[in-house]
Amino acid sequence: MKNYIAGFLLAFTFTTVSATDLPKDIIPTAAVYHPEVELVFNFNSDFPESKALKWTAGQGAVFVEFLNKEKIKSFAVYKNGELMETYYEIDVNSLPTISKSHLNTKQSQYKVEKAFIIKEADGDEKFLVELSGTYDVMYSKDGYLLRYIK
């Protein structure tokens, strides 16, 4: 009997079956790859203290609107399941002095709707300012004008 059990355990140990060898109705749902499940897992790993409010797909990316741990509305951008950049809403007064000067002199006819600090996956930071009735303005982390965005 001991030899039979040992032989069975040995055979069981070295026998592997891949999911492709099984009939489709036997494969558990969890064994099938779902990119949206991976995306939710990645978001929860990247922002463990945050709550996702809205998921939007478009332009080859998924945009996640969420409340960060300070309860400030933020946005994360994922492409192919990887975090590309995160937008955190900030007060306009938190912009670098150079950016505020540019807004006050060159964009004074427009009202600032919102301002964001953008943190990219590689650690780089930029600022984005949404102006009412016109384009958005992007600044470097030092406050220098990078571009206008329609």
Protein backbone atom coordinates (compact mmCIF):
# COMPACT_ATOMS: atom_id res chain seq x y z
CA MET A 1 0.00 0.00 0.00
CA LYS A 2 2.83 2.42 0.84
CA ASN A 3 4.40 1.77 -2.58
CA TYR A 4 1.06 2.44 -4.30
CA ILE A 5 0.61 5.78 -2.47
CA ALA A 6 4.22 6.81 -3.10
CA GLY A 7 3.87 5.92 -6.80
CA PHE A 8 0.62 7.86 -7.07
CA LEU A 9 2.12 10.92 -5.39
CA LEU A 10 5.18 10.73 -7.63
CA ALA A 11 3.04 10.49 -10.77
CA PHE A 12 0.80 13.31 -9.57
CA THR A 13 3.78 15.52 -8.79
CA PHE A 14 5.23 15.27 -12.30
CA THR A 15 1.97 15.48 -14.24
CA THR A 16 1.07 18.94 -15.45
CA VAL A 17 -1.87 20.02 -17.53
CA SER A 18 -2.00 23.36 -19.26
CA ALA A 19 -5.22 25.33 -19.54
CA THR A 20 -5.16 24.80 -23.32
CA ASP A 21 -5.41 21.00 -22.77
CA LEU A 22 -8.66 21.34 -20.82
CA PRO A 23 -12.11 21.61 -22.36
CA LYS A 24 -13.26 25.23 -22.42
CA ASP A 25 -16.19 24.60 -20.07
CA ILE A 26 -13.80 23.33 -17.36
CA ILE A 27 -11.38 26.30 -17.40
CA PRO A 28 -12.25 28.62 -14.53
CA THR A 29 -13.07 32.19 -15.53
CA ALA A 30 -10.17 33.47 -13.44
CA ALA A 31 -7.73 31.51 -15.62
CA VAL A 32 -8.68 33.57 -18.69
CA TYR A 33 -6.74 36.83 -19.10
CA HIS A 34 -8.86 39.93 -18.60
CA PRO A 35 -6.94 43.20 -19.18
CA GLU A 36 -9.56 45.18 -17.27
CA VAL A 37 -8.95 43.05 -14.16
CA GLU A 38 -5.22 43.72 -14.45
CA LEU A 39 -5.94 47.44 -14.84
CA VAL A 40 -8.08 47.53 -11.69
CA PHE A 41 -5.37 45.61 -9.82
CA ASN A 42 -2.70 48.05 -11.07
CA PHE A 43 -4.79 51.06 -10.07
CA ASN A 44 -5.41 49.64 -6.59
CA SER A 45 -1.67 48.92 -6.26
CA ASP A 46 -0.64 52.39 -7.50
CA PHE A 47 -3.20 54.23 -5.35
CA PRO A 48 -4.03 51.97 -2.39
CA GLU A 49 -5.66 54.73 -0.32
CA SER A 50 -7.76 56.11 -3.17
CA LYS A 51 -11.25 55.44 -4.46
CA ALA A 52 -11.92 55.22 -8.21
CA LEU A 53 -14.92 57.32 -9.21
CA LYS A 54 -15.06 56.90 -12.99
CA TRP A 55 -13.30 54.84 -15.67
CA THR A 56 -13.21 56.19 -19.24
CA ALA A 57 -11.54 54.59 -22.25
CA GLY A 58 -10.45 56.67 -25.24
CA GLN A 59 -7.50 57.74 -27.37
CA GLY A 60 -5.72 54.43 -26.72
CA ALA A 61 -5.75 54.95 -22.95
CA VAL A 62 -7.91 54.49 -19.89
CA PHE A 63 -8.57 57.52 -17.72
CA VAL A 64 -9.41 56.94 -14.06
CA GLU A 65 -10.97 59.74 -12.08
CA PHE A 66 -10.40 59.22 -8.36
CA LEU A 67 -10.18 60.85 -4.96
CA ASN A 68 -6.65 60.69 -3.61
CA LYS A 69 -5.85 60.18 0.06
CA GLU A 70 -6.27 63.94 0.68
CA LYS A 71 -9.77 63.66 -0.92
CA ILE A 72 -8.71 65.81 -3.87
CA LYS A 73 -10.07 64.85 -7.28
CA SER A 74 -7.29 63.44 -9.43
CA PHE A 75 -6.87 61.58 -12.72
CA ALA A 76 -4.63 58.67 -13.68
CA VAL A 77 -3.83 57.76 -17.29
CA TYR A 78 -3.06 54.13 -18.15
CA LYS A 79 -1.87 52.74 -21.49
CA ASN A 80 -1.61 48.99 -21.96
CA GLY A 81 -2.25 48.56 -18.24
CA GLU A 82 0.73 50.73 -17.22
CA LEU A 83 0.44 54.05 -15.39
CA MET A 84 1.65 56.81 -17.69
CA GLU A 85 0.81 59.98 -15.75
CA THR A 86 -1.29 61.30 -12.89
CA TYR A 87 -3.04 64.67 -12.71
CA TYR A 88 -3.52 66.23 -9.27
CA GLU A 89 -5.69 69.33 -9.04
CA ILE A 90 -3.90 72.19 -7.30
CA ASP A 91 -4.66 75.77 -6.34
CA VAL A 92 -3.53 78.31 -8.95
CA ASN A 93 -1.41 79.99 -6.27
CA SER A 94 0.64 76.76 -6.06
CA LEU A 95 1.96 77.30 -9.59
CA PRO A 96 5.58 78.46 -9.96
CA THR A 97 6.02 82.25 -9.97
CA ILE A 98 7.06 82.26 -13.64
CA SER A 99 3.82 80.49 -14.66
CA LYS A 100 1.68 82.88 -12.64
CA SER A 101 3.48 85.84 -14.19
CA HIS A 102 2.84 84.46 -17.69
CA LEU A 103 -0.85 83.94 -16.91
CA ASN A 104 -1.19 87.46 -15.46
CA THR A 105 0.53 89.19 -18.38
CA LYS A 106 -0.17 87.10 -21.49
CA GLN A 107 -3.42 85.34 -20.54
CA SER A 108 -5.10 87.95 -18.34
CA GLN A 109 -8.20 88.07 -20.56
CA TYR A 110 -9.02 84.43 -19.65
CA LYS A 111 -10.20 83.03 -16.36
CA VAL A 112 -8.27 80.09 -14.92
CA GLU A 113 -10.72 77.19 -14.56
CA LYS A 114 -8.39 74.60 -13.04
CA ALA A 115 -4.71 73.91 -12.49
CA PHE A 116 -3.01 70.53 -12.25
CA ILE A 117 0.39 69.16 -11.46
CA ILE A 118 1.13 66.23 -13.76
CA LYS A 119 3.40 63.51 -12.44
CA GLU A 120 4.68 61.21 -15.15
CA ALA A 121 5.66 57.57 -14.59
CA ASP A 122 9.35 58.45 -15.02
CA GLY A 123 9.12 61.02 -12.19
CA ASP A 124 9.04 64.13 -14.39
CA GLU A 125 6.54 66.82 -13.42
CA LYS A 126 4.67 69.48 -15.40
CA PHE A 127 1.82 71.89 -14.80
CA LEU A 128 -1.37 72.20 -16.80
CA VAL A 129 -3.70 75.19 -16.59
CA GLU A 130 -7.20 75.11 -18.07
CA LEU A 131 -8.36 78.52 -19.25
CA SER A 132 -12.04 79.30 -19.85
CA GLY A 133 -13.14 79.70 -23.46
CA THR A 134 -9.77 78.91 -25.02
CA TYR A 135 -6.81 76.54 -24.94
CA ASP A 136 -4.95 74.93 -22.04
CA VAL A 137 -1.40 75.94 -21.16
CA MET A 138 1.36 73.53 -20.15
CA TYR A 139 4.39 74.58 -18.11
CA SER A 140 7.58 72.81 -17.11
CA LYS A 141 8.17 71.89 -13.46
CA ASP A 142 10.18 75.13 -13.21
CA GLY A 143 7.24 77.13 -14.55
CA TYR A 144 8.42 77.81 -18.11
CA LEU A 145 5.90 77.73 -20.95
CA LEU A 146 6.04 74.44 -22.86
CA ARG A 147 3.00 74.66 -25.17
CA TYR A 148 -0.59 75.58 -25.74
CA ILE A 149 -3.09 72.73 -26.08
CA LYS A 150 -6.35 73.06 -28.03
